[in-house]
C-alpha atoms as a PDB file:
ATOM      1  CA  MET A   1      -6.799  80.810  21.549  1.00  0.00           C
ATOM      2  CA  ILE A   2      -8.258  78.133  19.382  1.00  0.00           C
ATOM      3  CA  ASP A   3     -12.002  77.885  19.474  1.00  0.00           C
ATOM      4  CA  ASP A   4     -15.144  77.517  17.380  1.00  0.00           C
ATOM      5  CA  THR A   5     -15.202  81.258  16.560  1.00  0.00           C
ATOM      6  CA  ARG A   6     -12.363  80.991  14.056  1.00  0.00           C
ATOM      7  CA  ARG A   7     -13.483  81.659  10.559  1.00  0.00           C
ATOM      8  CA  PHE A   8     -12.493  79.624   7.481  1.00  0.00           C
ATOM      9  CA  VAL A   9     -12.468  81.021   3.974  1.00  0.00           C
ATOM     10  CA  TYR A  10     -12.078  78.683   1.082  1.00  0.00           C
ATOM     11  CA  THR A  11     -10.481  80.692  -1.883  1.00  0.00           C
ATOM     12  CA  ASP A  12      -8.028  80.326  -4.691  1.00  0.00           C
ATOM     13  CA  PHE A  13      -4.736  81.946  -3.639  1.00  0.00           C
ATOM     14  CA  GLY A  14      -3.696  82.376  -7.276  1.00  0.00           C
ATOM     15  CA  SER A  15      -0.667  80.170  -6.731  1.00  0.00           C
ATOM     16  CA  TRP A  16       0.578  76.987  -4.959  1.00  0.00           C
ATOM     17  CA  ALA A  17       2.703  79.132  -2.478  1.00  0.00           C
ATOM     18  CA  SER A  18       0.898  77.667   0.545  1.00  0.00           C
ATOM     19  CA  PRO A  19      -2.122  75.500   1.402  1.00  0.00           C
ATOM     20  CA  THR A  20      -3.340  77.680   4.268  1.00  0.00           C
ATOM     21  CA  LEU A  21      -2.642  80.991   5.729  1.00  0.00           C
ATOM     22  CA  THR A  22      -3.926  82.267   9.059  1.00  0.00           C
ATOM     23  CA  VAL A  23      -4.282  86.000   9.842  1.00  0.00           C
ATOM     24  CA  GLU A  24      -5.480  87.994  12.784  1.00  0.00           C
ATOM     25  CA  CYS A  25      -7.799  90.901  11.669  1.00  0.00           C
ATOM     26  CA  GLU A  26      -7.609  94.381  13.333  1.00  0.00           C
ATOM     27  CA  ASP A  27     -10.655  93.456  15.400  1.00  0.00           C
ATOM     28  CA  GLY A  28      -9.016  90.289  16.717  1.00  0.00           C
ATOM     29  CA  GLU A  29     -10.883  87.946  14.627  1.00  0.00           C
ATOM     30  CA  VAL A  30      -8.709  84.983  13.441  1.00  0.00           C
ATOM     31  CA  VAL A  31      -9.355  83.809   9.907  1.00  0.00           C
ATOM     32  CA  THR A  32      -7.780  80.822   8.197  1.00  0.00           C
ATOM     33  CA  LEU A  33      -7.630  80.917   4.451  1.00  0.00           C
ATOM     34  CA  LEU A  34      -7.882  77.551   2.686  1.00  0.00           C
ATOM     35  CA  ASN A  35      -6.230  77.541  -0.794  1.00  0.00           C
ATOM     36  CA  ALA A  36      -8.620  75.976  -3.323  1.00  0.00           C
ATOM     37  CA  ARG A  37      -5.807  74.762  -5.285  1.00  0.00           C
ATOM     38  CA  TYR A  38      -5.039  72.021  -2.682  1.00  0.00           C
ATOM     39  CA  THR A  39      -7.095  68.916  -1.955  1.00  0.00           C
ATOM     40  CA  VAL A  40      -9.058  68.552   1.300  1.00  0.00           C
ATOM     41  CA  GLU A  41      -6.455  65.942   2.528  1.00  0.00           C
ATOM     42  CA  GLN A  42      -3.643  68.474   1.962  1.00  0.00           C
ATOM     43  CA  LEU A  43      -5.571  71.319   3.712  1.00  0.00           C
ATOM     44  CA  ARG A  44      -6.329  69.001   6.539  1.00  0.00           C
ATOM     45  CA  GLU A  45      -2.745  67.924   6.903  1.00  0.00           C
ATOM     46  CA  HIS A  46      -1.704  71.637   7.185  1.00  0.00           C
ATOM     47  CA  MET A  47      -4.145  72.631   9.873  1.00  0.00           C
ATOM     48  CA  PRO A  48      -1.998  71.688  12.976  1.00  0.00           C
ATOM     49  CA  HIS A  49       0.528  74.271  11.559  1.00  0.00           C
ATOM     50  CA  GLU A  50      -1.985  76.972  11.557  1.00  0.00           C
ATOM     51  CA  ASP A  51      -3.370  75.853  15.077  1.00  0.00           C
ATOM     52  CA  THR A  52       0.095  76.214  16.403  1.00  0.00           C
ATOM     53  CA  HIS A  53       0.375  79.821  15.113  1.00  0.00           C
ATOM     54  CA  ILE A  54      -2.827  80.660  17.097  1.00  0.00           C
ATOM     55  CA  LYS A  55      -2.076  78.589  20.242  1.00  0.00           C
ATOM     56  CA  ASN A  56       1.407  80.139  20.548  1.00  0.00           C
ATOM     57  CA  ASN A  57       0.006  83.702  19.745  1.00  0.00           C
ATOM     58  CA  HIS A  58       2.491  84.110  16.872  1.00  0.00           C
ATOM     59  CA  PHE A  59       0.555  87.193  15.634  1.00  0.00           C
ATOM     60  CA  GLN A  60       1.867  89.261  18.626  1.00  0.00           C
ATOM     61  CA  ASP A  61       5.498  87.539  18.509  1.00  0.00           C
ATOM     62  CA  ASP A  62       8.450  89.596  17.355  1.00  0.00           C
ATOM     63  CA  ARG A  63      10.548  86.698  16.629  1.00  0.00           C
ATOM     64  CA  PRO A  64      11.720  86.197  12.956  1.00  0.00           C
ATOM     65  CA  ILE A  65       9.124  84.635  10.751  1.00  0.00           C
ATOM     66  CA  GLN A  66      11.494  81.761  10.013  1.00  0.00           C
ATOM     67  CA  GLU A  67      11.473  80.854  13.621  1.00  0.00           C
ATOM     68  CA  LEU A  68       7.861  81.094  14.056  1.00  0.00           C
ATOM     69  CA  GLU A  69       7.307  78.954  10.868  1.00  0.00           C
ATOM     70  CA  ALA A  70       9.752  76.275  12.109  1.00  0.00           C
ATOM     71  CA  GLU A  71       7.897  76.160  15.555  1.00  0.00           C
ATOM     72  CA  ALA A  72       4.571  75.658  13.712  1.00  0.00           C
ATOM     73  CA  ASP A  73       5.997  73.043  11.495  1.00  0.00           C
ATOM     74  CA  ALA A  74       7.097  70.931  14.626  1.00  0.00           C
ATOM     75  CA  GLU A  75       3.337  70.184  15.288  1.00  0.00           C
ATOM     76  CA  PRO A  76       2.398  66.583  14.435  1.00  0.00           C
ATOM     77  CA  SER A  77       0.329  66.199  11.169  1.00  0.00           C
ATOM     78  CA  VAL A  78      -3.382  65.577  11.207  1.00  0.00           C
ATOM     79  CA  SER A  79      -2.794  62.106   9.970  1.00  0.00           C
ATOM     80  CA  ALA A  80      -0.684  61.308  13.035  1.00  0.00           C
ATOM     81  CA  LYS A  81      -3.362  62.743  15.342  1.00  0.00           C
ATOM     82  CA  ILE A  82      -6.187  60.833  13.559  1.00  0.00           C
ATOM     83  CA  GLU A  83      -4.015  57.571  14.029  1.00  0.00           C
ATOM     84  CA  GLU A  84      -3.644  58.410  17.723  1.00  0.00           C
ATOM     85  CA  TYR A  85      -7.470  59.083  18.025  1.00  0.00           C
ATOM     86  CA  ALA A  86      -8.171  55.813  16.218  1.00  0.00           C
ATOM     87  CA  LYS A  87      -6.214  53.827  18.840  1.00  0.00           C
ATOM     88  CA  LYS A  88      -8.726  55.401  21.312  1.00  0.00           C
ATOM     89  CA  GLY A  89     -11.746  54.406  19.309  1.00  0.00           C
ATOM     90  CA  ILE A  90     -12.337  57.880  17.698  1.00  0.00           C
ATOM     91  CA  HIS A  91     -12.593  57.644  13.913  1.00  0.00           C
ATOM     92  CA  PHE A  92     -12.792  60.177  11.094  1.00  0.00           C
ATOM     93  CA  ASP A  93     -13.717  59.539   7.562  1.00  0.00           C
ATOM     94  CA  ILE A  94     -12.862  62.559   5.243  1.00  0.00           C
ATOM     95  CA  SER A  95     -12.923  61.652   1.577  1.00  0.00           C
ATOM     96  CA  GLU A  96     -11.158  63.560  -1.332  1.00  0.00           C
ATOM     97  CA  ASP A  97     -14.594  64.886  -2.318  1.00  0.00           C
ATOM     98  CA  ALA A  98     -15.202  66.363   1.127  1.00  0.00           C
ATOM     99  CA  THR A  99     -16.216  70.059   1.319  1.00  0.00           C
ATOM    100  CA  ALA A 100     -14.551  72.912   3.281  1.00  0.00           C
ATOM    101  CA  GLU A 101     -17.456  72.368   5.835  1.00  0.00           C
ATOM    102  CA  ASP A 102     -16.347  68.805   6.404  1.00  0.00           C
ATOM    103  CA  LEU A 103     -12.791  69.936   7.036  1.00  0.00           C
ATOM    104  CA  GLU A 104     -14.036  72.530   9.383  1.00  0.00           C
ATOM    105  CA  GLU A 105     -16.152  69.932  11.226  1.00  0.00           C
ATOM    106  CA  ALA A 106     -13.157  67.535  11.633  1.00  0.00           C
ATOM    107  CA  VAL A 107     -11.077  70.380  12.996  1.00  0.00           C
ATOM    108  CA  ARG A 108     -13.803  71.164  15.457  1.00  0.00           C
ATOM    109  CA  VAL A 109     -14.093  67.627  16.693  1.00  0.00           C
ATOM    110  CA  ILE A 110     -10.373  67.422  17.027  1.00  0.00           C
ATOM    111  CA  ARG A 111     -10.449  70.461  19.245  1.00  0.00           C
ATOM    112  CA  ILE A 112     -13.179  69.084  21.367  1.00  0.00           C
ATOM    113  CA  VAL A 113     -11.245  65.812  21.899  1.00  0.00           C
ATOM    114  CA  ARG A 114      -8.172  67.671  22.682  1.00  0.00           C
ATOM    115  CA  ALA A 115     -10.032  69.920  25.191  1.00  0.00           C
ATOM    116  CA  GLN A 116     -11.262  66.741  26.934  1.00  0.00           C
ATOM    117  CA  GLY A 117      -7.680  65.641  27.334  1.00  0.00           C
ATOM    118  CA  GLY A 118      -7.500  63.400  24.163  1.00  0.00           C
END
């Protein structure tokens, strides 16, 4: 389930392998790691992918990882969602110098709008 209790950790992965990674801890807490090597825009674009892993409970799914990743990749990008929301009069302004907290707030707002049927 995607909710406001998910924790975000902004850290350097030590490589460019992935912009984000979401894990489920032993206690059930879901943590999304944000690779500091990527820009806020790149991280923001990748969040729907991570949300799909959570929404579809991929952590408990026994299918091959390639199948789970393909399913998560099918989620529309944040840019596409922002454009869709803009048509409804909801606007986001996240600049390149935005902080991880700005990104987290944008994701929270998108979830609220989605929960309200947007």
